[in-house]
């Protein structure tokens, strides 16, 4: 955001910050959110090249709607489910580690 727009908004009482500021996340919580989002995005990209959401769900004994939530970064989806789904697409632990290492 450019400085003039920021000043204008602040002069009208708006507070400018990040989603982490708004949600009052600790640095650790913010990183966990970033990791989950990175895994979600990677899962969607890998899965779209290889199989359907239903295929992934069947491989990990889950449901297609749950995989859709995982791919869309739904907060109710655990990191464990994201990792299991990634593994079901053929990702290796090293692949997953590289995704996590790229966060931050």
PDB file of N, CA and C in Angstrom:
ATOM      1  N   UNK A   1       0.849  -1.163   0.000  1.00  0.00           N
ATOM      2  CA  UNK A   1       0.000   0.000   0.000  1.00  0.00           C
ATOM      3  C   UNK A   1       0.902   1.235   0.000  1.00  0.00           C
ATOM      4  N   UNK A   2       0.551   2.203  -0.842  1.00  0.00           N
ATOM      5  CA  UNK A   2       1.390   3.393  -0.880  1.00  0.00           C
ATOM      6  C   UNK A   2       1.119   4.268   0.346  1.00  0.00           C
ATOM      7  N   UNK A   3       2.080   5.110   0.655  1.00  0.00           N
ATOM      8  CA  UNK A   3       2.043   5.921   1.872  1.00  0.00           C
ATOM      9  C   UNK A   3       0.852   6.872   1.910  1.00  0.00           C
ATOM     10  N   UNK A   4       0.495   7.481   0.780  1.00  0.00           N
ATOM     11  CA  UNK A   4      -0.616   8.446   0.786  1.00  0.00           C
ATOM     12  C   UNK A   4      -1.942   7.748   1.097  1.00  0.00           C
ATOM     13  N   UNK A   5      -2.128   6.580   0.547  1.00  0.00           N
ATOM     14  CA  UNK A   5      -3.357   5.837   0.826  1.00  0.00           C
ATOM     15  C   UNK A   5      -3.386   5.405   2.291  1.00  0.00           C
ATOM     16  N   UNK A   6      -2.246   4.970   2.785  1.00  0.00           N
ATOM     17  CA  UNK A   6      -2.151   4.550   4.190  1.00  0.00           C
ATOM     18  C   UNK A   6      -2.487   5.717   5.121  1.00  0.00           C
ATOM     19  N   UNK A   7      -1.886   6.877   4.864  1.00  0.00           N
ATOM     20  CA  UNK A   7      -2.139   8.054   5.697  1.00  0.00           C
ATOM     21  C   UNK A   7      -3.610   8.457   5.649  1.00  0.00           C
ATOM     22  N   UNK A   8      -4.186   8.404   4.478  1.00  0.00           N
ATOM     23  CA  UNK A   8      -5.601   8.757   4.326  1.00  0.00           C
ATOM     24  C   UNK A   8      -6.479   7.832   5.164  1.00  0.00           C
ATOM     25  N   UNK A   9      -6.233   6.531   5.075  1.00  0.00           N
ATOM     26  CA  UNK A   9      -7.023   5.566   5.840  1.00  0.00           C
ATOM     27  C   UNK A   9      -6.828   5.752   7.345  1.00  0.00           C
ATOM     28  N   UNK A  10      -5.579   5.954   7.754  1.00  0.00           N
ATOM     29  CA  UNK A  10      -5.299   6.140   9.176  1.00  0.00           C
ATOM     30  C   UNK A  10      -5.926   7.418   9.707  1.00  0.00           C
ATOM     31  N   UNK A  11      -5.961   8.461   8.885  1.00  0.00           N
ATOM     32  CA  UNK A  11      -6.568   9.726   9.323  1.00  0.00           C
ATOM     33  C   UNK A  11      -8.077   9.591   9.528  1.00  0.00           C
ATOM     34  N   UNK A  12      -8.661   8.588   8.899  1.00  0.00           N
ATOM     35  CA  UNK A  12     -10.100   8.347   9.052  1.00  0.00           C
ATOM     36  C   UNK A  12     -10.404   7.299  10.115  1.00  0.00           C
ATOM     37  N   UNK A  13      -9.353   6.912  10.871  1.00  0.00           N
ATOM     38  CA  UNK A  13      -9.560   5.995  11.979  1.00  0.00           C
ATOM     39  C   UNK A  13      -9.304   4.531  11.681  1.00  0.00           C
ATOM     40  N   UNK A  14      -8.921   4.206  10.460  1.00  0.00           N
ATOM     41  CA  UNK A  14      -8.629   2.812  10.115  1.00  0.00           C
ATOM     42  C   UNK A  14      -7.285   2.421  10.691  1.00  0.00           C
ATOM     43  N   UNK A  15      -7.188   1.174  11.111  1.00  0.00           N
ATOM     44  CA  UNK A  15      -5.916   0.638  11.580  1.00  0.00           C
ATOM     45  C   UNK A  15      -5.356  -0.263  10.492  1.00  0.00           C
ATOM     46  N   UNK A  16      -4.087  -0.089  10.218  1.00  0.00           N
ATOM     47  CA  UNK A  16      -3.425  -0.850   9.168  1.00  0.00           C
ATOM     48  C   UNK A  16      -2.537  -1.894   9.829  1.00  0.00           C
ATOM     49  N   UNK A  17      -2.632  -3.134   9.357  1.00  0.00           N
ATOM     50  CA  UNK A  17      -1.804  -4.192   9.906  1.00  0.00           C
ATOM     51  C   UNK A  17      -1.958  -5.457   9.089  1.00  0.00           C
ATOM     52  N   UNK A  18      -1.409  -6.518   9.614  1.00  0.00           N
ATOM     53  CA  UNK A  18      -1.478  -7.811   8.938  1.00  0.00           C
ATOM     54  C   UNK A  18      -2.613  -8.642   9.521  1.00  0.00           C
ATOM     55  N   UNK A  19      -2.892  -9.750   8.866  1.00  0.00           N
ATOM     56  CA  UNK A  19      -3.901 -10.677   9.389  1.00  0.00           C
ATOM     57  C   UNK A  19      -3.470 -11.188  10.758  1.00  0.00           C
ATOM     58  N   UNK A  20      -2.183 -11.406  10.936  1.00  0.00           N
ATOM     59  CA  UNK A  20      -1.662 -11.854  12.226  1.00  0.00           C
ATOM     60  C   UNK A  20      -1.919 -10.820  13.319  1.00  0.00           C
ATOM     61  N   UNK A  21      -1.754  -9.546  12.973  1.00  0.00           N
ATOM     62  CA  UNK A  21      -2.038  -8.477  13.933  1.00  0.00           C
ATOM     63  C   UNK A  21      -3.521  -8.482  14.298  1.00  0.00           C
ATOM     64  N   UNK A  22      -4.364  -8.550  13.290  1.00  0.00           N
ATOM     65  CA  UNK A  22      -5.815  -8.520  13.496  1.00  0.00           C
ATOM     66  C   UNK A  22      -6.275  -9.694  14.348  1.00  0.00           C
ATOM     67  N   UNK A  23      -5.721 -10.866  14.084  1.00  0.00           N
ATOM     68  CA  UNK A  23      -6.117 -12.076  14.820  1.00  0.00           C
ATOM     69  C   UNK A  23      -5.339 -12.256  16.118  1.00  0.00           C
ATOM     70  N   UNK A  24      -4.394 -11.351  16.354  1.00  0.00           N
ATOM     71  CA  UNK A  24      -3.548 -11.402  17.544  1.00  0.00           C
ATOM     72  C   UNK A  24      -2.828 -12.745  17.670  1.00  0.00           C
ATOM     73  N   UNK A  25      -2.234 -13.178  16.553  1.00  0.00           N
ATOM     74  CA  UNK A  25      -1.498 -14.435  16.548  1.00  0.00           C
ATOM     75  C   UNK A  25      -0.091 -14.228  17.092  1.00  0.00           C
ATOM     76  N   UNK A  26       0.385 -15.215  17.812  1.00  0.00           N
ATOM     77  CA  UNK A  26       1.786 -15.193  18.213  1.00  0.00           C
ATOM     78  C   UNK A  26       2.620 -15.490  16.970  1.00  0.00           C
ATOM     79  N   UNK A  27       3.909 -15.194  17.004  1.00  0.00           N
ATOM     80  CA  UNK A  27       4.750 -15.533  15.844  1.00  0.00           C
ATOM     81  C   UNK A  27       4.676 -17.028  15.504  1.00  0.00           C
ATOM     82  N   UNK A  28       4.613 -17.867  16.528  1.00  0.00           N
ATOM     83  CA  UNK A  28       4.547 -19.315  16.303  1.00  0.00           C
ATOM     84  C   UNK A  28       3.230 -19.710  15.630  1.00  0.00           C
ATOM     85  N   UNK A  29       2.137 -19.124  16.087  1.00  0.00           N
ATOM     86  CA  UNK A  29       0.834 -19.414  15.477  1.00  0.00           C
ATOM     87  C   UNK A  29       0.794 -18.959  14.022  1.00  0.00           C
ATOM     88  N   UNK A  30       1.379 -17.810  13.742  1.00  0.00           N
ATOM     89  CA  UNK A  30       1.408 -17.297  12.372  1.00  0.00           C
ATOM     90  C   UNK A  30       2.191 -18.240  11.459  1.00  0.00           C
ATOM     91  N   UNK A  31       3.291 -18.785  11.949  1.00  0.00           N
ATOM     92  CA  UNK A  31       4.084 -19.715  11.144  1.00  0.00           C
ATOM     93  C   UNK A  31       3.309 -21.000  10.881  1.00  0.00           C
ATOM     94  N   UNK A  32       2.600 -21.497  11.893  1.00  0.00           N
ATOM     95  CA  UNK A  32       1.781 -22.707  11.690  1.00  0.00           C
ATOM     96  C   UNK A  32       0.732 -22.449  10.614  1.00  0.00           C
ATOM     97  N   UNK A  33       0.108 -21.289  10.636  1.00  0.00           N
ATOM     98  CA  UNK A  33      -0.884 -20.951   9.605  1.00  0.00           C
ATOM     99  C   UNK A  33      -0.215 -20.924   8.235  1.00  0.00           C
ATOM    100  N   UNK A  34       0.957 -20.331   8.145  1.00  0.00           N
ATOM    101  CA  UNK A  34       1.679 -20.278   6.870  1.00  0.00           C
ATOM    102  C   UNK A  34       2.044 -21.679   6.376  1.00  0.00           C
ATOM    103  N   UNK A  35       2.458 -22.551   7.293  1.00  0.00           N
ATOM    104  CA  UNK A  35       2.800 -23.927   6.919  1.00  0.00           C
ATOM    105  C   UNK A  35       1.570 -24.645   6.384  1.00  0.00           C
ATOM    106  N   UNK A  36       0.452 -24.509   7.077  1.00  0.00           N
ATOM    107  CA  UNK A  36      -0.775 -25.170   6.626  1.00  0.00           C
ATOM    108  C   UNK A  36      -1.201 -24.665   5.250  1.00  0.00           C
ATOM    109  N   UNK A  37      -1.082 -23.366   5.032  1.00  0.00           N
ATOM    110  CA  UNK A  37      -1.454 -22.814   3.726  1.00  0.00           C
ATOM    111  C   UNK A  37      -0.514 -23.299   2.622  1.00  0.00           C
ATOM    112  N   UNK A  38       0.771 -23.388   2.918  1.00  0.00           N
ATOM    113  CA  UNK A  38       1.734 -23.876   1.921  1.00  0.00           C
ATOM    114  C   UNK A  38       1.450 -25.341   1.587  1.00  0.00           C
ATOM    115  N   UNK A  39       1.152 -26.150   2.597  1.00  0.00           N
ATOM    116  CA  UNK A  39       0.824 -27.562   2.349  1.00  0.00           C
ATOM    117  C   UNK A  39      -0.480 -27.681   1.568  1.00  0.00           C
ATOM    118  N   UNK A  40      -1.458 -26.852   1.891  1.00  0.00           N
ATOM    119  CA  UNK A  40      -2.740 -26.876   1.176  1.00  0.00           C
ATOM    120  C   UNK A  40      -2.556 -26.564  -0.301  1.00  0.00           C
ATOM    121  N   UNK A  41      -1.798 -25.518  -0.574  1.00  0.00           N
ATOM    122  CA  UNK A  41      -1.561 -25.115  -1.966  1.00  0.00           C
ATOM    123  C   UNK A  41      -0.807 -26.211  -2.722  1.00  0.00           C
ATOM    124  N   UNK A  42       0.200 -26.762  -2.095  1.00  0.00           N
ATOM    125  CA  UNK A  42       0.982 -27.815  -2.741  1.00  0.00           C
ATOM    126  C   UNK A  42       0.130 -29.053  -2.978  1.00  0.00           C
ATOM    127  N   UNK A  43      -0.700 -29.402  -2.014  1.00  0.00           N
ATOM    128  CA  UNK A  43      -1.591 -30.547  -2.179  1.00  0.00           C
ATOM    129  C   UNK A  43      -2.487 -30.346  -3.399  1.00  0.00           C
ATOM    130  N   UNK A  44      -3.100 -29.176  -3.508  1.00  0.00           N
ATOM    131  CA  UNK A  44      -3.995 -28.905  -4.640  1.00  0.00           C
ATOM    132  C   UNK A  44      -3.246 -29.026  -5.962  1.00  0.00           C
ATOM    133  N   UNK A  45      -2.055 -28.431  -6.029  1.00  0.00           N
ATOM    134  CA  UNK A  45      -1.275 -28.462  -7.273  1.00  0.00           C
ATOM    135  C   UNK A  45      -0.887 -29.887  -7.648  1.00  0.00           C
ATOM    136  N   UNK A  46      -0.392 -30.658  -6.695  1.00  0.00           N
ATOM    137  CA  UNK A  46       0.016 -32.047  -6.959  1.00  0.00           C
ATOM    138  C   UNK A  46      -1.187 -32.894  -7.346  1.00  0.00           C
ATOM    139  N   UNK A  47      -2.230 -32.780  -6.572  1.00  0.00           N
ATOM    140  CA  UNK A  47      -3.401 -33.621  -6.787  1.00  0.00           C
ATOM    141  C   UNK A  47      -4.035 -33.365  -8.151  1.00  0.00           C
ATOM    142  N   UNK A  48      -4.128 -32.099  -8.559  1.00  0.00           N
ATOM    143  CA  UNK A  48      -4.743 -31.773  -9.848  1.00  0.00           C
ATOM    144  C   UNK A  48      -3.997 -32.406 -11.023  1.00  0.00           C
ATOM    145  N   UNK A  49      -2.698 -32.598 -10.880  1.00  0.00           N
ATOM    146  CA  UNK A  49      -1.904 -33.214 -11.937  1.00  0.00           C
ATOM    147  C   UNK A  49      -2.069 -34.732 -11.984  1.00  0.00           C
ATOM    148  N   UNK A  50      -2.460 -35.337 -10.858  1.00  0.00           N
ATOM    149  CA  UNK A  50      -2.372 -36.789 -10.732  1.00  0.00           C
ATOM    150  C   UNK A  50      -3.689 -37.535 -10.551  1.00  0.00           C
ATOM    151  N   UNK A  51      -4.636 -36.934  -9.851  1.00  0.00           N
ATOM    152  CA  UNK A  51      -5.830 -37.686  -9.476  1.00  0.00           C
ATOM    153  C   UNK A  51      -6.940 -36.753  -9.026  1.00  0.00           C
ATOM    154  N   UNK A  52      -8.077 -37.345  -8.705  1.00  0.00           N
ATOM    155  CA  UNK A  52      -9.215 -36.566  -8.226  1.00  0.00           C
ATOM    156  C   UNK A  52      -9.171 -36.459  -6.702  1.00  0.00           C
ATOM    157  N   UNK A  53      -9.960 -35.550  -6.184  1.00  0.00           N
ATOM    158  CA  UNK A  53     -10.087 -35.439  -4.722  1.00  0.00           C
ATOM    159  C   UNK A  53     -10.630 -36.744  -4.144  1.00  0.00           C
ATOM    160  N   UNK A  54     -11.534 -37.360  -4.870  1.00  0.00           N
ATOM    161  CA  UNK A  54     -12.111 -38.628  -4.412  1.00  0.00           C
ATOM    162  C   UNK A  54     -11.037 -39.712  -4.326  1.00  0.00           C
ATOM    163  N   UNK A  55     -10.117 -39.739  -5.281  1.00  0.00           N
ATOM    164  CA  UNK A  55      -9.018 -40.713  -5.263  1.00  0.00           C
ATOM    165  C   UNK A  55      -8.140 -40.526  -4.021  1.00  0.00           C
ATOM    166  N   UNK A  56      -7.789 -39.271  -3.736  1.00  0.00           N
ATOM    167  CA  UNK A  56      -6.963 -38.998  -2.552  1.00  0.00           C
ATOM    168  C   UNK A  56      -7.710 -39.420  -1.296  1.00  0.00           C
ATOM    169  N   UNK A  57      -8.975 -39.059  -1.215  1.00  0.00           N
ATOM    170  CA  UNK A  57      -9.787 -39.397  -0.045  1.00  0.00           C
ATOM    171  C   UNK A  57      -9.820 -40.903   0.183  1.00  0.00           C
ATOM    172  N   UNK A  58      -9.992 -41.663  -0.875  1.00  0.00           N
ATOM    173  CA  UNK A  58     -10.048 -43.120  -0.744  1.00  0.00           C
ATOM    174  C   UNK A  58      -8.717 -43.675  -0.228  1.00  0.00           C
ATOM    175  N   UNK A  59      -7.614 -43.101  -0.693  1.00  0.00           N
ATOM    176  CA  UNK A  59      -6.296 -43.586  -0.273  1.00  0.00           C
ATOM    177  C   UNK A  59      -6.022 -43.355   1.208  1.00  0.00           C
ATOM    178  N   UNK A  60      -6.634 -42.317   1.778  1.00  0.00           N
ATOM    179  CA  UNK A  60      -6.352 -42.005   3.188  1.00  0.00           C
ATOM    180  C   UNK A  60      -7.568 -42.209   4.090  1.00  0.00           C
ATOM    181  N   UNK A  61      -8.565 -42.920   3.568  1.00  0.00           N
ATOM    182  CA  UNK A  61      -9.788 -43.212   4.332  1.00  0.00           C
ATOM    183  C   UNK A  61     -10.442 -41.938   4.855  1.00  0.00           C
ATOM    184  N   UNK A  62     -10.617 -40.984   3.955  1.00  0.00           N
ATOM    185  CA  UNK A  62     -11.267 -39.726   4.289  1.00  0.00           C
ATOM    186  C   UNK A  62     -12.409 -39.514   3.305  1.00  0.00           C
ATOM    187  N   UNK A  63     -12.862 -38.289   3.153  1.00  0.00           N
ATOM    188  CA  UNK A  63     -13.954 -37.999   2.226  1.00  0.00           C
ATOM    189  C   UNK A  63     -13.527 -36.917   1.237  1.00  0.00           C
ATOM    190  N   UNK A  64     -14.195 -36.886   0.096  1.00  0.00           N
ATOM    191  CA  UNK A  64     -13.882 -35.879  -0.917  1.00  0.00           C
ATOM    192  C   UNK A  64     -14.094 -34.458  -0.365  1.00  0.00           C
ATOM    193  N   UNK A  65     -15.204 -34.191   0.366  1.00  0.00           N
ATOM    194  CA  UNK A  65     -15.352 -32.836   0.901  1.00  0.00           C
ATOM    195  C   UNK A  65     -14.223 -32.438   1.868  1.00  0.00           C
ATOM    196  N   UNK A  66     -13.697 -33.413   2.592  1.00  0.00           N
ATOM    197  CA  UNK A  66     -12.599 -33.121   3.513  1.00  0.00           C
ATOM    198  C   UNK A  66     -11.329 -32.755   2.734  1.00  0.00           C
ATOM    199  N   UNK A  67     -11.093 -33.439   1.622  1.00  0.00           N
ATOM    200  CA  UNK A  67      -9.933 -33.109   0.777  1.00  0.00           C
ATOM    201  C   UNK A  67     -10.121 -31.718   0.179  1.00  0.00           C
ATOM    202  N   UNK A  68     -11.338 -31.390  -0.230  1.00  0.00           N
ATOM    203  CA  UNK A  68     -11.609 -30.045  -0.758  1.00  0.00           C
ATOM    204  C   UNK A  68     -11.297 -28.994   0.302  1.00  0.00           C
ATOM    205  N   UNK A  69     -11.702 -29.259   1.548  1.00  0.00           N
ATOM    206  CA  UNK A  69     -11.391 -28.323   2.633  1.00  0.00           C
ATOM    207  C   UNK A  69      -9.876 -28.219   2.829  1.00  0.00           C
ATOM    208  N   UNK A  70      -9.188 -29.346   2.759  1.00  0.00           N
ATOM    209  CA  UNK A  70      -7.731 -29.345   2.919  1.00  0.00           C
ATOM    210  C   UNK A  70      -7.070 -28.483   1.845  1.00  0.00           C
ATOM    211  N   UNK A  71      -7.536 -28.616   0.621  1.00  0.00           N
ATOM    212  CA  UNK A  71      -6.947 -27.859  -0.485  1.00  0.00           C
ATOM    213  C   UNK A  71      -7.268 -26.374  -0.407  1.00  0.00           C
ATOM    214  N   UNK A  72      -8.328 -26.031   0.295  1.00  0.00           N
ATOM    215  CA  UNK A  72      -8.726 -24.626   0.394  1.00  0.00           C
ATOM    216  C   UNK A  72      -8.273 -23.969   1.691  1.00  0.00           C
ATOM    217  N   UNK A  73      -7.434 -24.654   2.449  1.00  0.00           N
ATOM    218  CA  UNK A  73      -6.864 -24.058   3.645  1.00  0.00           C
ATOM    219  C   UNK A  73      -7.823 -23.902   4.806  1.00  0.00           C
ATOM    220  N   UNK A  74      -8.851 -24.731   4.850  1.00  0.00           N
ATOM    221  CA  UNK A  74      -9.819 -24.655   5.949  1.00  0.00           C
ATOM    222  C   UNK A  74      -9.107 -24.883   7.285  1.00  0.00           C
ATOM    223  N   UNK A  75      -9.380 -24.033   8.240  1.00  0.00           N
ATOM    224  CA  UNK A  75      -8.707 -24.098   9.543  1.00  0.00           C
ATOM    225  C   UNK A  75      -9.012 -25.378  10.307  1.00  0.00           C
ATOM    226  N   UNK A  76     -10.111 -26.047   9.973  1.00  0.00           N
ATOM    227  CA  UNK A  76     -10.477 -27.267  10.697  1.00  0.00           C
ATOM    228  C   UNK A  76      -9.651 -28.476  10.272  1.00  0.00           C
ATOM    229  N   UNK A  77      -8.891 -28.345   9.200  1.00  0.00           N
ATOM    230  CA  UNK A  77      -8.083 -29.457   8.692  1.00  0.00           C
ATOM    231  C   UNK A  77      -6.740 -29.491   9.425  1.00  0.00           C
ATOM    232  N   UNK A  78      -6.387 -30.663   9.915  1.00  0.00           N
ATOM    233  CA  UNK A  78      -5.136 -30.810  10.665  1.00  0.00           C
ATOM    234  C   UNK A  78      -3.936 -30.909   9.720  1.00  0.00           C
ATOM    235  N   UNK A  79      -2.778 -30.582  10.273  1.00  0.00           N
ATOM    236  CA  UNK A  79      -1.536 -30.755   9.515  1.00  0.00           C
ATOM    237  C   UNK A  79      -1.348 -32.236   9.201  1.00  0.00           C
ATOM    238  N   UNK A  80      -1.754 -33.098  10.115  1.00  0.00           N
ATOM    239  CA  UNK A  80      -1.635 -34.542   9.875  1.00  0.00           C
ATOM    240  C   UNK A  80      -2.393 -34.953   8.614  1.00  0.00           C
ATOM    241  N   UNK A  81      -3.626 -34.477   8.463  1.00  0.00           N
ATOM    242  CA  UNK A  81      -4.408 -34.826   7.276  1.00  0.00           C
ATOM    243  C   UNK A  81      -3.734 -34.285   6.019  1.00  0.00           C
ATOM    244  N   UNK A  82      -3.220 -33.068   6.092  1.00  0.00           N
ATOM    245  CA  UNK A  82      -2.524 -32.493   4.935  1.00  0.00           C
ATOM    246  C   UNK A  82      -1.327 -33.348   4.544  1.00  0.00           C
ATOM    247  N   UNK A  83      -0.567 -33.783   5.524  1.00  0.00           N
ATOM    248  CA  UNK A  83       0.617 -34.606   5.235  1.00  0.00           C
ATOM    249  C   UNK A  83       0.201 -35.959   4.673  1.00  0.00           C
ATOM    250  N   UNK A  84      -0.801 -36.591   5.263  1.00  0.00           N
ATOM    251  CA  UNK A  84      -1.269 -37.886   4.745  1.00  0.00           C
ATOM    252  C   UNK A  84      -1.750 -37.752   3.305  1.00  0.00           C
ATOM    253  N   UNK A  85      -2.470 -36.671   3.008  1.00  0.00           N
ATOM    254  CA  UNK A  85      -2.957 -36.443   1.641  1.00  0.00           C
ATOM    255  C   UNK A  85      -1.792 -36.208   0.684  1.00  0.00           C
ATOM    256  N   UNK A  86      -0.797 -35.442   1.133  1.00  0.00           N
ATOM    257  CA  UNK A  86       0.381 -35.213   0.291  1.00  0.00           C
ATOM    258  C   UNK A  86       1.078 -36.538  -0.015  1.00  0.00           C
ATOM    259  N   UNK A  87       1.242 -37.372   0.996  1.00  0.00           N
ATOM    260  CA  UNK A  87       1.876 -38.679   0.792  1.00  0.00           C
ATOM    261  C   UNK A  87       1.065 -39.528  -0.182  1.00  0.00           C
ATOM    262  N   UNK A  88      -0.259 -39.415  -0.116  1.00  0.00           N
ATOM    263  CA  UNK A  88      -1.129 -40.179  -1.025  1.00  0.00           C
ATOM    264  C   UNK A  88      -0.944 -39.753  -2.476  1.00  0.00           C
ATOM    265  N   UNK A  89      -0.489 -38.524  -2.697  1.00  0.00           N
ATOM    266  CA  UNK A  89      -0.240 -38.069  -4.072  1.00  0.00           C
ATOM    267  C   UNK A  89       1.152 -38.461  -4.558  1.00  0.00           C
ATOM    268  N   UNK A  90       1.914 -39.121  -3.682  1.00  0.00           N
ATOM    269  CA  UNK A  90       3.253 -39.543  -4.058  1.00  0.00           C
ATOM    270  C   UNK A  90       4.363 -38.652  -3.541  1.00  0.00           C
ATOM    271  N   UNK A  91       4.017 -37.630  -2.777  1.00  0.00           N
ATOM    272  CA  UNK A  91       5.051 -36.766  -2.199  1.00  0.00           C
ATOM    273  C   UNK A  91       5.881 -37.575  -1.209  1.00  0.00           C
ATOM    274  N   UNK A  92       7.129 -37.246  -1.126  1.00  0.00           N
ATOM    275  CA  UNK A  92       8.021 -37.908  -0.176  1.00  0.00           C
ATOM    276  C   UNK A  92       8.145 -37.037   1.078  1.00  0.00           C
ATOM    277  N   UNK A  93       8.636 -37.618   2.170  1.00  0.00           N
ATOM    278  CA  UNK A  93       8.898 -36.781   3.348  1.00  0.00           C
ATOM    279  C   UNK A  93       9.832 -35.610   3.020  1.00  0.00           C
ATOM    280  N   UNK A  94      10.787 -35.842   2.142  1.00  0.00           N
ATOM    281  CA  UNK A  94      11.696 -34.763   1.727  1.00  0.00           C
ATOM    282  C   UNK A  94      10.935 -33.647   1.017  1.00  0.00           C
ATOM    283  N   UNK A  95       9.990 -34.025   0.120  1.00  0.00           N
ATOM    284  CA  UNK A  95       9.165 -33.018  -0.570  1.00  0.00           C
ATOM    285  C   UNK A  95       8.413 -32.164   0.451  1.00  0.00           C
ATOM    286  N   UNK A  96       7.823 -32.832   1.418  1.00  0.00           N
ATOM    287  CA  UNK A  96       7.041 -32.133   2.436  1.00  0.00           C
ATOM    288  C   UNK A  96       7.949 -31.234   3.270  1.00  0.00           C
ATOM    289  N   UNK A  97       9.125 -31.738   3.611  1.00  0.00           N
ATOM    290  CA  UNK A  97      10.090 -30.932   4.357  1.00  0.00           C
ATOM    291  C   UNK A  97      10.510 -29.679   3.605  1.00  0.00           C
ATOM    292  N   UNK A  98      10.678 -29.805   2.296  1.00  0.00           N
ATOM    293  CA  UNK A  98      11.064 -28.642   1.486  1.00  0.00           C
ATOM    294  C   UNK A  98       9.959 -27.599   1.453  1.00  0.00           C
ATOM    295  N   UNK A  99       8.705 -28.056   1.427  1.00  0.00           N
ATOM    296  CA  UNK A  99       7.580 -27.106   1.454  1.00  0.00           C
ATOM    297  C   UNK A  99       7.595 -26.338   2.774  1.00  0.00           C
ATOM    298  N   UNK A 100       7.755 -27.084   3.869  1.00  0.00           N
ATOM    299  CA  UNK A 100       7.774 -26.466   5.190  1.00  0.00           C
ATOM    300  C   UNK A 100       8.981 -25.538   5.332  1.00  0.00           C
ATOM    301  N   UNK A 101      10.132 -25.981   4.836  1.00  0.00           N
ATOM    302  CA  UNK A 101      11.349 -25.167   4.937  1.00  0.00           C
ATOM    303  C   UNK A 101      11.235 -23.867   4.161  1.00  0.00           C
ATOM    304  N   UNK A 102      10.392 -23.842   3.135  1.00  0.00           N
ATOM    305  CA  UNK A 102      10.229 -22.636   2.321  1.00  0.00           C
ATOM    306  C   UNK A 102       9.345 -21.584   2.958  1.00  0.00           C
ATOM    307  N   UNK A 103       8.739 -21.897   4.098  1.00  0.00           N
ATOM    308  CA  UNK A 103       7.850 -20.955   4.781  1.00  0.00           C
ATOM    309  C   UNK A 103       8.684 -20.026   5.641  1.00  0.00           C
ATOM    310  N   UNK A 104       8.260 -18.772   5.687  1.00  0.00           N
ATOM    311  CA  UNK A 104       8.896 -17.836   6.621  1.00  0.00           C
ATOM    312  C   UNK A 104       9.881 -17.007   6.013  1.00  0.00           C
TER     313      UNK A 104
END
